[in-house]
Amino acid sequence: NTFVKRHIRSGLPASLDVNEWRNYIKNNGGCDRPTQSFLDPKDLDRVRAVCSSAGGKTFKENLCISQEPFSFVTVRSDQGTCGIRNVVRESKHLILACEVLENQCVPVHFEGNPKSAKP
C-alpha cells in the first residue's frame, strides 16, 4: 500500500534534527515531495481505523477525520533538492482520503489539516 510506504515507515529518526531527517529522506526517497508527514508504525491499526466508523467520521466526500488526535512529524523541504526547511512534531486529527481496495476501506492519501479541524 503506497500510503503506508509514504507515511508509516520503520526506522524514522527519533529526533527532530534536520540533518538526521535530510539523510533519512535522501536514503529512503521523498526528495520530490515538499511536504511529508510521518506517523509512528505502532499507530498503523489506529490509522487504518480512521477509514471506519470505529476510528473516524466522514469529513467530506471520500475524506474521513480521526475521532482522536494523532502525533506525527511533518517535514517541509525544497522540492527536488532535499534541502529541509523544517521538521515539526504535530498533534492533530488526521484527515485521510479512503478508498475500497481488496474489499477493505483503507487510507490512500494524507490530507493536510491546517485549521486543526476536529470531528
N, C-alpha and C. Protein backbone atom coordinates (compact mmCIF):
# COMPACT_ATOMS: atom_id res chain seq x y z
N ASN A 1 0.85 -1.18 0.00
CA ASN A 1 0.00 0.00 0.00
C ASN A 1 0.90 1.25 0.00
N THR A 2 0.70 2.10 -0.99
CA THR A 2 1.52 3.31 -1.15
C THR A 2 1.40 4.23 0.05
N PHE A 3 0.21 4.35 0.63
CA PHE A 3 0.01 5.22 1.79
C PHE A 3 0.95 4.80 2.93
N VAL A 4 0.97 3.51 3.22
CA VAL A 4 1.81 3.01 4.31
C VAL A 4 3.29 3.26 3.99
N LYS A 5 3.70 3.00 2.75
CA LYS A 5 5.11 3.21 2.36
C LYS A 5 5.51 4.67 2.49
N ARG A 6 4.59 5.58 2.25
CA ARG A 6 4.91 7.00 2.33
C ARG A 6 4.87 7.56 3.75
N HIS A 7 3.92 7.09 4.55
CA HIS A 7 3.63 7.77 5.82
C HIS A 7 3.89 6.96 7.09
N ILE A 8 4.02 5.64 6.97
CA ILE A 8 4.19 4.81 8.18
C ILE A 8 5.39 3.90 7.93
N ARG A 9 6.56 4.48 8.06
CA ARG A 9 7.80 3.77 7.76
C ARG A 9 8.52 3.39 9.05
N SER A 10 9.26 2.30 8.99
CA SER A 10 10.10 1.95 10.13
C SER A 10 11.43 2.70 10.00
N GLY A 11 12.14 2.82 11.08
CA GLY A 11 13.45 3.45 11.06
C GLY A 11 13.45 4.96 10.99
N LEU A 12 12.33 5.59 11.33
CA LEU A 12 12.27 7.05 11.31
C LEU A 12 13.22 7.63 12.36
N PRO A 13 13.83 8.79 12.08
CA PRO A 13 14.65 9.43 13.11
C PRO A 13 13.82 9.69 14.37
N ALA A 14 14.43 9.47 15.52
CA ALA A 14 13.72 9.67 16.79
C ALA A 14 13.67 11.15 17.18
N SER A 15 14.59 11.94 16.62
CA SER A 15 14.64 13.36 16.98
C SER A 15 14.03 14.20 15.87
N LEU A 16 14.03 15.50 16.08
CA LEU A 16 13.57 16.44 15.06
C LEU A 16 14.77 17.12 14.39
N ASP A 17 15.94 16.49 14.47
CA ASP A 17 17.17 17.04 13.92
C ASP A 17 17.10 17.08 12.38
N VAL A 18 17.30 18.28 11.83
CA VAL A 18 17.18 18.48 10.38
C VAL A 18 18.15 17.60 9.61
N ASN A 19 19.38 17.46 10.10
CA ASN A 19 20.38 16.64 9.39
C ASN A 19 19.99 15.17 9.36
N GLU A 20 19.47 14.66 10.48
CA GLU A 20 19.02 13.27 10.51
C GLU A 20 17.91 13.05 9.50
N TRP A 21 16.96 13.98 9.46
CA TRP A 21 15.83 13.84 8.54
C TRP A 21 16.27 13.98 7.08
N ARG A 22 17.22 14.89 6.80
CA ARG A 22 17.73 15.03 5.43
C ARG A 22 18.33 13.70 4.97
N ASN A 23 19.17 13.11 5.82
CA ASN A 23 19.79 11.83 5.47
C ASN A 23 18.75 10.74 5.29
N TYR A 24 17.76 10.71 6.19
CA TYR A 24 16.72 9.69 6.10
C TYR A 24 15.95 9.80 4.78
N ILE A 25 15.53 11.00 4.43
CA ILE A 25 14.73 11.19 3.21
C ILE A 25 15.58 10.94 1.97
N LYS A 26 16.84 11.38 1.98
CA LYS A 26 17.73 11.10 0.84
C LYS A 26 17.89 9.59 0.64
N ASN A 27 18.06 8.86 1.74
CA ASN A 27 18.33 7.42 1.65
C ASN A 27 17.07 6.59 1.41
N ASN A 28 15.90 7.13 1.74
CA ASN A 28 14.66 6.34 1.65
C ASN A 28 13.66 6.90 0.65
N GLY A 29 14.03 7.94 -0.07
CA GLY A 29 13.15 8.50 -1.09
C GLY A 29 12.21 9.54 -0.51
N GLY A 30 11.86 10.51 -1.34
CA GLY A 30 10.91 11.53 -0.92
C GLY A 30 11.39 12.95 -1.18
N CYS A 31 12.57 13.10 -1.82
CA CYS A 31 13.07 14.46 -2.12
C CYS A 31 12.14 15.20 -3.07
N ASP A 32 11.30 14.47 -3.79
CA ASP A 32 10.39 15.08 -4.76
C ASP A 32 9.13 15.64 -4.12
N ARG A 33 8.95 15.42 -2.82
CA ARG A 33 7.71 15.84 -2.16
C ARG A 33 8.02 16.94 -1.14
N PRO A 34 7.49 18.17 -1.34
CA PRO A 34 7.86 19.29 -0.48
C PRO A 34 7.29 19.23 0.94
N THR A 35 6.20 18.51 1.14
CA THR A 35 5.64 18.35 2.49
C THR A 35 5.34 16.88 2.69
N GLN A 36 5.89 16.32 3.77
CA GLN A 36 5.66 14.91 4.07
C GLN A 36 5.35 14.77 5.55
N SER A 37 4.40 13.90 5.85
CA SER A 37 4.07 13.63 7.25
C SER A 37 4.30 12.15 7.53
N PHE A 38 4.88 11.88 8.69
CA PHE A 38 5.24 10.52 9.07
C PHE A 38 4.58 10.16 10.40
N LEU A 39 3.90 9.02 10.40
CA LEU A 39 3.22 8.50 11.59
C LEU A 39 4.04 7.36 12.18
N ASP A 40 3.88 7.14 13.46
CA ASP A 40 4.57 6.07 14.15
C ASP A 40 4.01 4.72 13.70
N PRO A 41 4.88 3.76 13.34
CA PRO A 41 4.39 2.44 12.92
C PRO A 41 3.48 1.77 13.95
N LYS A 42 3.66 2.07 15.24
CA LYS A 42 2.78 1.46 16.26
C LYS A 42 1.34 1.93 16.13
N ASP A 43 1.12 3.04 15.40
CA ASP A 43 -0.23 3.57 15.21
C ASP A 43 -0.93 3.02 13.96
N LEU A 44 -0.32 2.05 13.26
CA LEU A 44 -0.87 1.57 11.99
C LEU A 44 -2.34 1.16 12.10
N ASP A 45 -2.69 0.36 13.09
CA ASP A 45 -4.09 -0.08 13.21
C ASP A 45 -5.02 1.09 13.49
N ARG A 46 -4.58 2.02 14.34
CA ARG A 46 -5.40 3.22 14.62
C ARG A 46 -5.59 4.06 13.36
N VAL A 47 -4.53 4.18 12.56
CA VAL A 47 -4.61 4.95 11.31
C VAL A 47 -5.60 4.29 10.36
N ARG A 48 -5.49 2.98 10.19
CA ARG A 48 -6.42 2.27 9.30
C ARG A 48 -7.86 2.43 9.78
N ALA A 49 -8.06 2.49 11.09
CA ALA A 49 -9.41 2.60 11.65
C ALA A 49 -10.07 3.94 11.33
N VAL A 50 -9.27 4.95 10.93
CA VAL A 50 -9.85 6.25 10.57
C VAL A 50 -10.82 6.08 9.40
N CYS A 51 -10.60 5.08 8.56
CA CYS A 51 -11.47 4.82 7.41
C CYS A 51 -12.68 3.96 7.78
N SER A 52 -12.95 3.82 9.06
CA SER A 52 -14.12 3.06 9.52
C SER A 52 -14.82 3.84 10.62
N SER A 53 -16.03 3.41 10.93
CA SER A 53 -16.77 4.09 12.00
C SER A 53 -16.11 3.87 13.36
N ALA A 54 -15.23 2.87 13.45
CA ALA A 54 -14.55 2.60 14.72
C ALA A 54 -13.57 3.71 15.10
N GLY A 55 -12.97 4.36 14.08
CA GLY A 55 -11.95 5.34 14.41
C GLY A 55 -12.10 6.68 13.72
N GLY A 56 -13.09 6.79 12.82
CA GLY A 56 -13.21 8.03 12.07
C GLY A 56 -14.64 8.38 11.74
N LYS A 57 -14.79 9.57 11.18
CA LYS A 57 -16.10 10.06 10.73
C LYS A 57 -15.90 10.67 9.35
N THR A 58 -16.97 10.70 8.56
CA THR A 58 -16.89 11.34 7.25
C THR A 58 -16.63 12.83 7.44
N PHE A 59 -15.64 13.35 6.73
CA PHE A 59 -15.31 14.77 6.78
C PHE A 59 -15.98 15.47 5.59
N LYS A 60 -15.67 15.02 4.39
CA LYS A 60 -16.37 15.43 3.17
C LYS A 60 -15.92 14.52 2.04
N GLU A 61 -16.82 14.24 1.13
CA GLU A 61 -16.56 13.34 0.01
C GLU A 61 -15.88 12.06 0.52
N ASN A 62 -14.69 11.72 -0.03
CA ASN A 62 -14.05 10.48 0.42
C ASN A 62 -13.04 10.73 1.55
N LEU A 63 -13.13 11.91 2.18
CA LEU A 63 -12.22 12.22 3.29
C LEU A 63 -12.86 11.86 4.63
N CYS A 64 -12.08 11.19 5.47
CA CYS A 64 -12.52 10.87 6.83
C CYS A 64 -11.59 11.56 7.81
N ILE A 65 -12.14 11.93 8.96
CA ILE A 65 -11.34 12.58 10.01
C ILE A 65 -11.31 11.66 11.23
N SER A 66 -10.14 11.57 11.85
CA SER A 66 -9.99 10.69 13.01
C SER A 66 -10.78 11.23 14.19
N GLN A 67 -11.30 10.30 14.99
CA GLN A 67 -12.04 10.70 16.19
C GLN A 67 -11.09 11.20 17.27
N GLU A 68 -9.84 10.72 17.23
CA GLU A 68 -8.84 11.11 18.23
C GLU A 68 -7.67 11.79 17.51
N PRO A 69 -6.96 12.70 18.20
CA PRO A 69 -5.77 13.29 17.59
C PRO A 69 -4.63 12.28 17.52
N PHE A 70 -3.73 12.48 16.58
CA PHE A 70 -2.54 11.67 16.41
C PHE A 70 -1.32 12.58 16.53
N SER A 71 -0.22 12.01 16.99
CA SER A 71 1.06 12.72 16.99
C SER A 71 1.84 12.23 15.77
N PHE A 72 2.39 13.18 15.00
CA PHE A 72 3.15 12.81 13.81
C PHE A 72 4.19 13.89 13.53
N VAL A 73 5.12 13.58 12.65
CA VAL A 73 6.18 14.52 12.28
C VAL A 73 5.94 14.99 10.85
N THR A 74 5.98 16.30 10.64
CA THR A 74 5.86 16.87 9.30
C THR A 74 7.20 17.48 8.92
N VAL A 75 7.67 17.10 7.73
CA VAL A 75 8.94 17.59 7.20
C VAL A 75 8.65 18.41 5.96
N ARG A 76 9.12 19.66 5.96
CA ARG A 76 8.97 20.52 4.78
C ARG A 76 10.34 20.73 4.17
N SER A 77 10.41 20.56 2.84
CA SER A 77 11.70 20.66 2.16
C SER A 77 11.56 21.40 0.85
N ASP A 78 12.70 21.79 0.29
CA ASP A 78 12.72 22.41 -1.04
C ASP A 78 12.64 21.28 -2.06
N GLN A 79 11.58 21.29 -2.86
CA GLN A 79 11.30 20.19 -3.78
C GLN A 79 12.49 19.91 -4.69
N GLY A 80 12.86 18.62 -4.76
CA GLY A 80 13.91 18.19 -5.66
C GLY A 80 15.32 18.29 -5.10
N THR A 81 15.53 19.10 -4.07
CA THR A 81 16.89 19.30 -3.55
C THR A 81 17.13 18.55 -2.24
N CYS A 82 16.09 18.14 -1.57
CA CYS A 82 16.19 17.53 -0.24
C CYS A 82 16.71 18.52 0.79
N GLY A 83 16.66 19.81 0.48
CA GLY A 83 17.02 20.82 1.46
C GLY A 83 15.88 20.97 2.45
N ILE A 84 16.06 20.52 3.68
CA ILE A 84 15.00 20.52 4.68
C ILE A 84 14.81 21.93 5.24
N ARG A 85 13.58 22.44 5.16
CA ARG A 85 13.29 23.76 5.73
C ARG A 85 12.94 23.65 7.20
N ASN A 86 12.08 22.68 7.55
CA ASN A 86 11.80 22.48 8.97
C ASN A 86 11.21 21.10 9.23
N VAL A 87 11.33 20.68 10.49
CA VAL A 87 10.82 19.39 10.96
C VAL A 87 10.05 19.70 12.23
N VAL A 88 8.75 19.41 12.25
CA VAL A 88 7.94 19.71 13.43
C VAL A 88 7.09 18.51 13.84
N ARG A 89 6.95 18.34 15.15
CA ARG A 89 6.02 17.34 15.67
C ARG A 89 4.67 18.02 15.82
N GLU A 90 3.63 17.39 15.29
CA GLU A 90 2.28 17.95 15.37
C GLU A 90 1.36 16.96 16.07
N SER A 91 0.31 17.49 16.66
CA SER A 91 -0.74 16.65 17.22
C SER A 91 -2.06 17.21 16.73
N LYS A 92 -2.68 16.46 15.82
CA LYS A 92 -3.93 16.90 15.19
C LYS A 92 -4.78 15.69 14.86
N HIS A 93 -6.03 15.97 14.56
CA HIS A 93 -6.90 14.94 14.00
C HIS A 93 -6.46 14.72 12.56
N LEU A 94 -6.33 13.45 12.16
CA LEU A 94 -5.92 13.13 10.79
C LEU A 94 -7.11 13.27 9.85
N ILE A 95 -6.85 13.81 8.67
CA ILE A 95 -7.84 13.81 7.59
C ILE A 95 -7.23 12.94 6.49
N LEU A 96 -7.89 11.83 6.21
CA LEU A 96 -7.39 10.86 5.24
C LEU A 96 -8.40 10.61 4.14
N ALA A 97 -7.91 10.48 2.91
CA ALA A 97 -8.77 10.01 1.82
C ALA A 97 -8.81 8.49 1.93
N CYS A 98 -10.01 7.94 1.85
CA CYS A 98 -10.19 6.50 2.00
C CYS A 98 -10.84 5.92 0.74
N GLU A 99 -10.36 4.74 0.33
CA GLU A 99 -10.93 4.05 -0.82
C GLU A 99 -11.02 2.57 -0.50
N VAL A 100 -11.92 1.90 -1.20
CA VAL A 100 -12.05 0.46 -1.03
C VAL A 100 -11.04 -0.23 -1.94
N LEU A 101 -10.11 -0.95 -1.32
CA LEU A 101 -9.13 -1.76 -2.04
C LEU A 101 -9.18 -3.16 -1.47
N GLU A 102 -9.29 -4.16 -2.33
CA GLU A 102 -9.36 -5.56 -1.89
C GLU A 102 -10.42 -5.75 -0.81
N ASN A 103 -11.60 -5.18 -1.05
CA ASN A 103 -12.76 -5.31 -0.15
C ASN A 103 -12.57 -4.70 1.23
N GLN A 104 -11.59 -3.81 1.38
CA GLN A 104 -11.41 -3.11 2.65
C GLN A 104 -11.29 -1.62 2.37
N CYS A 105 -11.87 -0.81 3.25
CA CYS A 105 -11.73 0.63 3.13
C CYS A 105 -10.44 1.03 3.82
N VAL A 106 -9.49 1.57 3.04
CA VAL A 106 -8.16 1.87 3.57
C VAL A 106 -7.75 3.29 3.21
N PRO A 107 -6.82 3.87 3.99
CA PRO A 107 -6.33 5.22 3.66
C PRO A 107 -5.45 5.18 2.41
N VAL A 108 -5.65 6.18 1.54
CA VAL A 108 -4.85 6.27 0.32
C VAL A 108 -4.16 7.63 0.20
N HIS A 109 -4.52 8.59 1.03
CA HIS A 109 -3.94 9.93 0.94
C HIS A 109 -4.02 10.62 2.30
N PHE A 110 -2.95 11.32 2.66
CA PHE A 110 -2.88 12.09 3.91
C PHE A 110 -3.17 13.54 3.53
N GLU A 111 -4.32 14.04 3.93
CA GLU A 111 -4.73 15.41 3.62
C GLU A 111 -4.25 16.33 4.74
N GLY A 112 -3.80 17.50 4.40
CA GLY A 112 -3.39 18.45 5.43
C GLY A 112 -4.58 18.89 6.28
N ASN A 113 -4.29 19.33 7.49
CA ASN A 113 -5.32 19.84 8.39
C ASN A 113 -4.83 21.17 8.97
N PRO A 114 -4.65 22.19 8.08
CA PRO A 114 -4.04 23.45 8.53
C PRO A 114 -4.87 24.22 9.55
N LYS A 115 -6.18 23.99 9.58
CA LYS A 115 -7.03 24.71 10.54
C LYS A 115 -7.31 23.89 11.79
N SER A 116 -6.60 22.76 11.93
CA SER A 116 -6.79 21.87 13.09
C SER A 116 -8.25 21.49 13.29
N ALA A 117 -8.91 21.09 12.19
CA ALA A 117 -10.31 20.67 12.26
C ALA A 117 -10.46 19.48 13.19
N LYS A 118 -11.65 19.38 13.79
CA LYS A 118 -11.98 18.27 14.68
C LYS A 118 -13.27 17.63 14.18
N PRO A 119 -13.51 16.37 14.54
CA PRO A 119 -14.73 15.70 14.04
C PRO A 119 -16.00 16.32 14.63
